[in-house]
Amino acid sequence: GVGMGMTAPVSITAFPAEDGSFQQKVKVSLRIPSQFQDNPPCPTDESIKIEERQELTIYSTQFGGYAKEADYVNYAAKLKAALGSDAAYRKDFYLCNGYDPPMKPYGRRNEVWFVKE
């Protein structure tokens, strides 16, 4: 019953298939606003879970526009190529992040994150 408003980024955990496309399972994460972090409201929908995310070190790339799955897959491939074979990061998932509301037409910000091992 508590409205928290929209937060940024909206983070989608993508589990890449062999061909680089997303598998059917994805996880969408929203940041709980600061004023609710010490005592977050309990979800009434059991499919909603509250997780505490530990500190992460990431490799990141940024791009603009209205991001679609194909854009995230494309930029993940570019980030992988830029890192080469020496960088140690999780290969079983990556994070796709959007920072803007749907009605913002210009100056949009999206990112792909690889989590460093």
N, C-alpha and C. Protein backbone atom coordinates (compact mmCIF):
# COMPACT_ATOMS: atom_id res chain seq x y z
N GLY A 1 0.80 -1.21 0.00
CA GLY A 1 0.00 0.00 0.00
C GLY A 1 0.83 1.26 0.00
N VAL A 2 2.15 1.15 -0.09
CA VAL A 2 3.01 2.33 -0.08
C VAL A 2 3.49 2.59 -1.50
N GLY A 3 3.25 3.79 -2.01
CA GLY A 3 3.75 4.17 -3.32
C GLY A 3 5.19 4.64 -3.20
N MET A 4 6.07 4.08 -4.04
CA MET A 4 7.48 4.45 -3.97
C MET A 4 7.93 5.23 -5.20
N GLY A 5 7.09 5.35 -6.21
CA GLY A 5 7.52 6.06 -7.41
C GLY A 5 8.49 5.24 -8.22
N MET A 6 8.91 5.77 -9.35
CA MET A 6 9.82 5.08 -10.25
C MET A 6 11.26 5.30 -9.80
N THR A 7 12.07 4.29 -9.97
CA THR A 7 13.48 4.40 -9.63
C THR A 7 14.33 4.12 -10.86
N ALA A 8 15.58 4.49 -10.79
CA ALA A 8 16.50 4.22 -11.90
C ALA A 8 17.79 3.69 -11.32
N PRO A 9 18.42 2.75 -11.95
CA PRO A 9 17.96 2.16 -13.21
C PRO A 9 16.96 1.03 -12.98
N VAL A 10 16.22 0.72 -14.04
CA VAL A 10 15.48 -0.53 -14.09
C VAL A 10 16.49 -1.52 -14.67
N SER A 11 16.72 -2.59 -13.94
CA SER A 11 17.78 -3.52 -14.29
C SER A 11 17.18 -4.88 -14.62
N ILE A 12 17.51 -5.38 -15.80
CA ILE A 12 17.04 -6.69 -16.23
C ILE A 12 18.25 -7.62 -16.26
N THR A 13 18.15 -8.72 -15.52
CA THR A 13 19.20 -9.73 -15.56
C THR A 13 18.91 -10.64 -16.74
N ALA A 14 19.81 -10.65 -17.70
CA ALA A 14 19.66 -11.48 -18.91
C ALA A 14 20.55 -12.70 -18.76
N PHE A 15 19.98 -13.85 -19.13
CA PHE A 15 20.72 -15.11 -19.13
C PHE A 15 20.89 -15.50 -20.59
N PRO A 16 22.07 -15.26 -21.17
CA PRO A 16 22.23 -15.46 -22.60
C PRO A 16 22.21 -16.94 -23.01
N ALA A 17 21.56 -17.19 -24.14
CA ALA A 17 21.57 -18.52 -24.75
C ALA A 17 22.87 -18.68 -25.54
N GLU A 18 23.08 -19.85 -26.11
CA GLU A 18 24.30 -20.12 -26.89
C GLU A 18 24.50 -19.11 -28.02
N ASP A 19 23.39 -18.67 -28.66
CA ASP A 19 23.50 -17.75 -29.79
C ASP A 19 23.57 -16.28 -29.35
N GLY A 20 23.58 -16.03 -28.03
CA GLY A 20 23.66 -14.66 -27.52
C GLY A 20 22.31 -14.05 -27.20
N SER A 21 21.22 -14.62 -27.71
CA SER A 21 19.89 -14.08 -27.41
C SER A 21 19.53 -14.36 -25.95
N PHE A 22 18.49 -13.71 -25.47
CA PHE A 22 18.04 -13.93 -24.10
C PHE A 22 17.34 -15.27 -24.00
N GLN A 23 17.58 -16.00 -22.92
CA GLN A 23 16.77 -17.16 -22.61
C GLN A 23 15.40 -16.65 -22.15
N GLN A 24 14.45 -17.53 -22.02
CA GLN A 24 13.10 -17.12 -21.63
C GLN A 24 13.04 -16.55 -20.22
N LYS A 25 13.95 -16.94 -19.35
CA LYS A 25 13.91 -16.40 -17.99
C LYS A 25 14.71 -15.10 -17.91
N VAL A 26 14.12 -14.09 -17.36
CA VAL A 26 14.79 -12.84 -17.06
C VAL A 26 14.33 -12.41 -15.67
N LYS A 27 15.11 -11.57 -15.04
CA LYS A 27 14.75 -11.04 -13.73
C LYS A 27 14.81 -9.52 -13.82
N VAL A 28 13.73 -8.86 -13.44
CA VAL A 28 13.67 -7.39 -13.45
C VAL A 28 13.88 -6.91 -12.02
N SER A 29 14.78 -5.96 -11.84
CA SER A 29 15.09 -5.43 -10.52
C SER A 29 14.90 -3.92 -10.51
N LEU A 30 14.32 -3.43 -9.42
CA LEU A 30 14.14 -2.00 -9.20
C LEU A 30 14.83 -1.64 -7.90
N ARG A 31 15.46 -0.50 -7.88
CA ARG A 31 16.13 -0.03 -6.66
C ARG A 31 15.07 0.52 -5.71
N ILE A 32 15.15 0.10 -4.45
CA ILE A 32 14.25 0.64 -3.44
C ILE A 32 14.78 2.01 -3.05
N PRO A 33 13.92 3.05 -3.08
CA PRO A 33 14.39 4.39 -2.73
C PRO A 33 15.03 4.44 -1.34
N SER A 34 15.96 5.36 -1.17
CA SER A 34 16.77 5.46 0.05
C SER A 34 15.94 5.47 1.32
N GLN A 35 14.83 6.22 1.32
CA GLN A 35 14.06 6.36 2.56
C GLN A 35 13.38 5.06 2.98
N PHE A 36 13.33 4.04 2.10
CA PHE A 36 12.71 2.76 2.42
C PHE A 36 13.74 1.64 2.61
N GLN A 37 15.03 1.91 2.42
CA GLN A 37 16.01 0.83 2.41
C GLN A 37 16.21 0.16 3.77
N ASP A 38 16.13 0.91 4.85
CA ASP A 38 16.31 0.29 6.17
C ASP A 38 15.13 -0.58 6.57
N ASN A 39 13.94 -0.24 6.08
CA ASN A 39 12.74 -0.98 6.44
C ASN A 39 11.79 -1.00 5.24
N PRO A 40 12.10 -1.80 4.21
CA PRO A 40 11.26 -1.80 3.00
C PRO A 40 9.87 -2.36 3.27
N PRO A 41 8.85 -1.84 2.59
CA PRO A 41 7.51 -2.40 2.75
C PRO A 41 7.48 -3.84 2.25
N CYS A 42 6.68 -4.67 2.89
CA CYS A 42 6.58 -6.09 2.50
C CYS A 42 5.70 -6.21 1.26
N PRO A 43 6.18 -6.90 0.23
CA PRO A 43 5.36 -7.11 -0.96
C PRO A 43 4.13 -7.96 -0.64
N THR A 44 3.02 -7.64 -1.27
CA THR A 44 1.80 -8.44 -1.10
C THR A 44 1.70 -9.50 -2.19
N ASP A 45 2.51 -9.39 -3.21
CA ASP A 45 2.55 -10.37 -4.30
C ASP A 45 3.76 -11.27 -4.05
N GLU A 46 3.53 -12.58 -3.91
CA GLU A 46 4.62 -13.48 -3.56
C GLU A 46 5.65 -13.66 -4.67
N SER A 47 5.37 -13.20 -5.89
CA SER A 47 6.37 -13.28 -6.95
C SER A 47 7.39 -12.14 -6.84
N ILE A 48 7.13 -11.19 -5.97
CA ILE A 48 8.05 -10.07 -5.75
C ILE A 48 8.91 -10.37 -4.53
N LYS A 49 10.21 -10.30 -4.71
CA LYS A 49 11.17 -10.59 -3.65
C LYS A 49 12.04 -9.37 -3.39
N ILE A 50 12.42 -9.18 -2.16
CA ILE A 50 13.37 -8.13 -1.82
C ILE A 50 14.73 -8.78 -1.65
N GLU A 51 15.70 -8.30 -2.41
CA GLU A 51 17.07 -8.82 -2.35
C GLU A 51 18.01 -7.70 -1.96
N GLU A 52 19.00 -8.04 -1.21
CA GLU A 52 20.06 -7.08 -0.94
C GLU A 52 21.19 -7.40 -1.89
N ARG A 53 21.52 -6.45 -2.73
CA ARG A 53 22.60 -6.65 -3.70
C ARG A 53 23.90 -6.19 -3.08
N GLN A 54 24.86 -7.08 -3.09
CA GLN A 54 26.17 -6.74 -2.55
C GLN A 54 26.90 -5.80 -3.50
N GLU A 55 27.96 -5.22 -3.04
CA GLU A 55 28.77 -4.34 -3.87
C GLU A 55 29.26 -5.10 -5.10
N LEU A 56 29.19 -4.47 -6.25
CA LEU A 56 29.61 -5.08 -7.51
C LEU A 56 30.72 -4.25 -8.15
N THR A 57 31.62 -4.92 -8.81
CA THR A 57 32.55 -4.26 -9.73
C THR A 57 32.11 -4.71 -11.11
N ILE A 58 31.92 -3.75 -12.00
CA ILE A 58 31.36 -4.08 -13.31
C ILE A 58 32.21 -3.53 -14.44
N TYR A 59 32.06 -4.16 -15.59
CA TYR A 59 32.50 -3.61 -16.87
C TYR A 59 31.23 -3.12 -17.54
N SER A 60 31.26 -1.92 -18.11
CA SER A 60 30.02 -1.32 -18.60
C SER A 60 30.22 -0.65 -19.95
N THR A 61 29.14 -0.65 -20.72
CA THR A 61 29.08 0.16 -21.93
C THR A 61 27.73 0.87 -21.95
N GLN A 62 27.70 2.04 -22.55
CA GLN A 62 26.50 2.88 -22.55
C GLN A 62 26.07 3.16 -23.98
N PHE A 63 24.74 3.26 -24.20
CA PHE A 63 24.22 3.62 -25.51
C PHE A 63 22.88 4.32 -25.34
N GLY A 64 22.42 5.01 -26.38
CA GLY A 64 21.19 5.78 -26.31
C GLY A 64 20.04 5.12 -27.03
N GLY A 65 18.92 5.83 -27.08
CA GLY A 65 17.74 5.38 -27.81
C GLY A 65 16.81 4.52 -26.96
N TYR A 66 15.73 4.08 -27.60
CA TYR A 66 14.79 3.16 -26.96
C TYR A 66 15.36 1.75 -27.11
N ALA A 67 15.86 1.19 -26.04
CA ALA A 67 16.56 -0.10 -26.10
C ALA A 67 15.59 -1.26 -26.21
N LYS A 68 15.92 -2.16 -27.12
CA LYS A 68 15.19 -3.41 -27.30
C LYS A 68 16.16 -4.55 -26.98
N GLU A 69 15.63 -5.77 -26.92
CA GLU A 69 16.48 -6.92 -26.63
C GLU A 69 17.66 -6.99 -27.60
N ALA A 70 17.40 -6.76 -28.89
CA ALA A 70 18.47 -6.84 -29.89
C ALA A 70 19.58 -5.82 -29.60
N ASP A 71 19.22 -4.65 -29.09
CA ASP A 71 20.23 -3.64 -28.75
C ASP A 71 21.11 -4.11 -27.60
N TYR A 72 20.48 -4.66 -26.56
CA TYR A 72 21.27 -5.16 -25.43
C TYR A 72 22.18 -6.30 -25.86
N VAL A 73 21.67 -7.21 -26.68
CA VAL A 73 22.49 -8.32 -27.18
C VAL A 73 23.67 -7.79 -27.99
N ASN A 74 23.40 -6.81 -28.87
CA ASN A 74 24.43 -6.21 -29.71
C ASN A 74 25.51 -5.53 -28.86
N TYR A 75 25.11 -4.73 -27.88
CA TYR A 75 26.09 -4.02 -27.06
C TYR A 75 26.81 -4.96 -26.10
N ALA A 76 26.16 -6.04 -25.68
CA ALA A 76 26.85 -7.05 -24.88
C ALA A 76 27.96 -7.70 -25.71
N ALA A 77 27.66 -7.98 -26.97
CA ALA A 77 28.68 -8.57 -27.86
C ALA A 77 29.84 -7.60 -28.08
N LYS A 78 29.54 -6.30 -28.23
CA LYS A 78 30.59 -5.30 -28.38
C LYS A 78 31.45 -5.18 -27.13
N LEU A 79 30.80 -5.23 -25.96
CA LEU A 79 31.55 -5.15 -24.70
C LEU A 79 32.44 -6.38 -24.55
N LYS A 80 31.91 -7.54 -24.88
CA LYS A 80 32.70 -8.78 -24.81
C LYS A 80 33.92 -8.69 -25.72
N ALA A 81 33.73 -8.18 -26.94
CA ALA A 81 34.85 -8.05 -27.88
C ALA A 81 35.88 -7.03 -27.37
N ALA A 82 35.40 -5.93 -26.79
CA ALA A 82 36.32 -4.91 -26.28
C ALA A 82 37.14 -5.42 -25.11
N LEU A 83 36.55 -6.29 -24.28
CA LEU A 83 37.27 -6.82 -23.12
C LEU A 83 38.28 -7.89 -23.50
N GLY A 84 38.01 -8.59 -24.60
CA GLY A 84 38.91 -9.67 -25.01
C GLY A 84 38.85 -10.85 -24.06
N SER A 85 39.83 -11.71 -24.14
CA SER A 85 39.80 -12.94 -23.36
C SER A 85 40.47 -12.82 -21.99
N ASP A 86 41.11 -11.71 -21.70
CA ASP A 86 41.83 -11.57 -20.44
C ASP A 86 40.95 -11.14 -19.26
N ALA A 87 39.84 -10.48 -19.53
CA ALA A 87 38.99 -9.97 -18.45
C ALA A 87 38.17 -11.10 -17.84
N ALA A 88 38.15 -11.17 -16.51
CA ALA A 88 37.39 -12.20 -15.80
C ALA A 88 36.05 -11.61 -15.36
N TYR A 89 34.96 -12.10 -15.94
CA TYR A 89 33.63 -11.65 -15.57
C TYR A 89 32.66 -12.81 -15.70
N ARG A 90 31.50 -12.67 -15.07
CA ARG A 90 30.47 -13.72 -15.10
C ARG A 90 29.94 -13.86 -16.52
N LYS A 91 29.93 -15.07 -17.03
CA LYS A 91 29.46 -15.31 -18.40
C LYS A 91 28.04 -15.87 -18.42
N ASP A 92 27.51 -16.27 -17.26
CA ASP A 92 26.19 -16.90 -17.21
C ASP A 92 25.05 -15.89 -17.18
N PHE A 93 25.35 -14.61 -16.95
CA PHE A 93 24.33 -13.56 -16.97
C PHE A 93 25.01 -12.22 -17.17
N TYR A 94 24.22 -11.22 -17.56
CA TYR A 94 24.67 -9.83 -17.54
C TYR A 94 23.46 -8.96 -17.26
N LEU A 95 23.70 -7.70 -16.95
CA LEU A 95 22.63 -6.79 -16.56
C LEU A 95 22.40 -5.74 -17.65
N CYS A 96 21.12 -5.55 -17.97
CA CYS A 96 20.68 -4.56 -18.95
C CYS A 96 19.95 -3.47 -18.17
N ASN A 97 20.42 -2.23 -18.28
CA ASN A 97 19.90 -1.16 -17.44
C ASN A 97 19.35 -0.01 -18.27
N GLY A 98 18.16 0.45 -17.88
CA GLY A 98 17.54 1.62 -18.50
C GLY A 98 17.32 2.67 -17.43
N TYR A 99 17.58 3.91 -17.77
CA TYR A 99 17.53 4.99 -16.79
C TYR A 99 16.39 5.98 -17.01
N ASP A 100 15.63 5.86 -18.09
CA ASP A 100 14.69 6.91 -18.46
C ASP A 100 13.25 6.42 -18.50
N PRO A 101 12.30 7.34 -18.22
CA PRO A 101 10.89 6.96 -18.35
C PRO A 101 10.53 6.79 -19.83
N PRO A 102 9.51 6.01 -20.12
CA PRO A 102 9.15 5.73 -21.52
C PRO A 102 8.84 6.98 -22.35
N MET A 103 8.34 8.02 -21.71
CA MET A 103 7.95 9.21 -22.48
C MET A 103 9.09 10.19 -22.75
N LYS A 104 10.30 9.84 -22.38
CA LYS A 104 11.45 10.71 -22.67
C LYS A 104 11.98 10.35 -24.07
N PRO A 105 11.79 11.22 -25.06
CA PRO A 105 12.15 10.85 -26.43
C PRO A 105 13.63 11.04 -26.78
N TYR A 106 14.34 11.94 -26.10
CA TYR A 106 15.72 12.26 -26.47
C TYR A 106 16.65 12.11 -25.29
N GLY A 107 17.92 11.87 -25.59
CA GLY A 107 18.93 11.80 -24.54
C GLY A 107 18.79 10.60 -23.62
N ARG A 108 18.28 9.50 -24.15
CA ARG A 108 18.06 8.31 -23.34
C ARG A 108 19.39 7.61 -23.01
N ARG A 109 19.43 6.98 -21.86
CA ARG A 109 20.65 6.30 -21.41
C ARG A 109 20.34 4.83 -21.07
N ASN A 110 21.10 3.95 -21.66
CA ASN A 110 21.01 2.52 -21.41
C ASN A 110 22.43 2.01 -21.20
N GLU A 111 22.55 0.93 -20.42
CA GLU A 111 23.87 0.36 -20.18
C GLU A 111 23.78 -1.16 -20.15
N VAL A 112 24.88 -1.81 -20.53
CA VAL A 112 25.07 -3.23 -20.33
C VAL A 112 26.19 -3.37 -19.31
N TRP A 113 25.95 -4.21 -18.29
CA TRP A 113 26.95 -4.46 -17.26
C TRP A 113 27.36 -5.93 -17.25
N PHE A 114 28.66 -6.16 -17.25
CA PHE A 114 29.21 -7.49 -16.97
C PHE A 114 29.77 -7.43 -15.55
N VAL A 115 29.46 -8.39 -14.73
CA VAL A 115 29.92 -8.40 -13.34
C VAL A 115 31.29 -9.07 -13.26
N LYS A 116 32.25 -8.34 -12.72
CA LYS A 116 33.61 -8.85 -12.59
C LYS A 116 33.62 -10.00 -11.58
N GLU A 117 34.40 -11.04 -11.93
CA GLU A 117 34.52 -12.19 -11.02
C GLU A 117 35.50 -11.88 -9.91
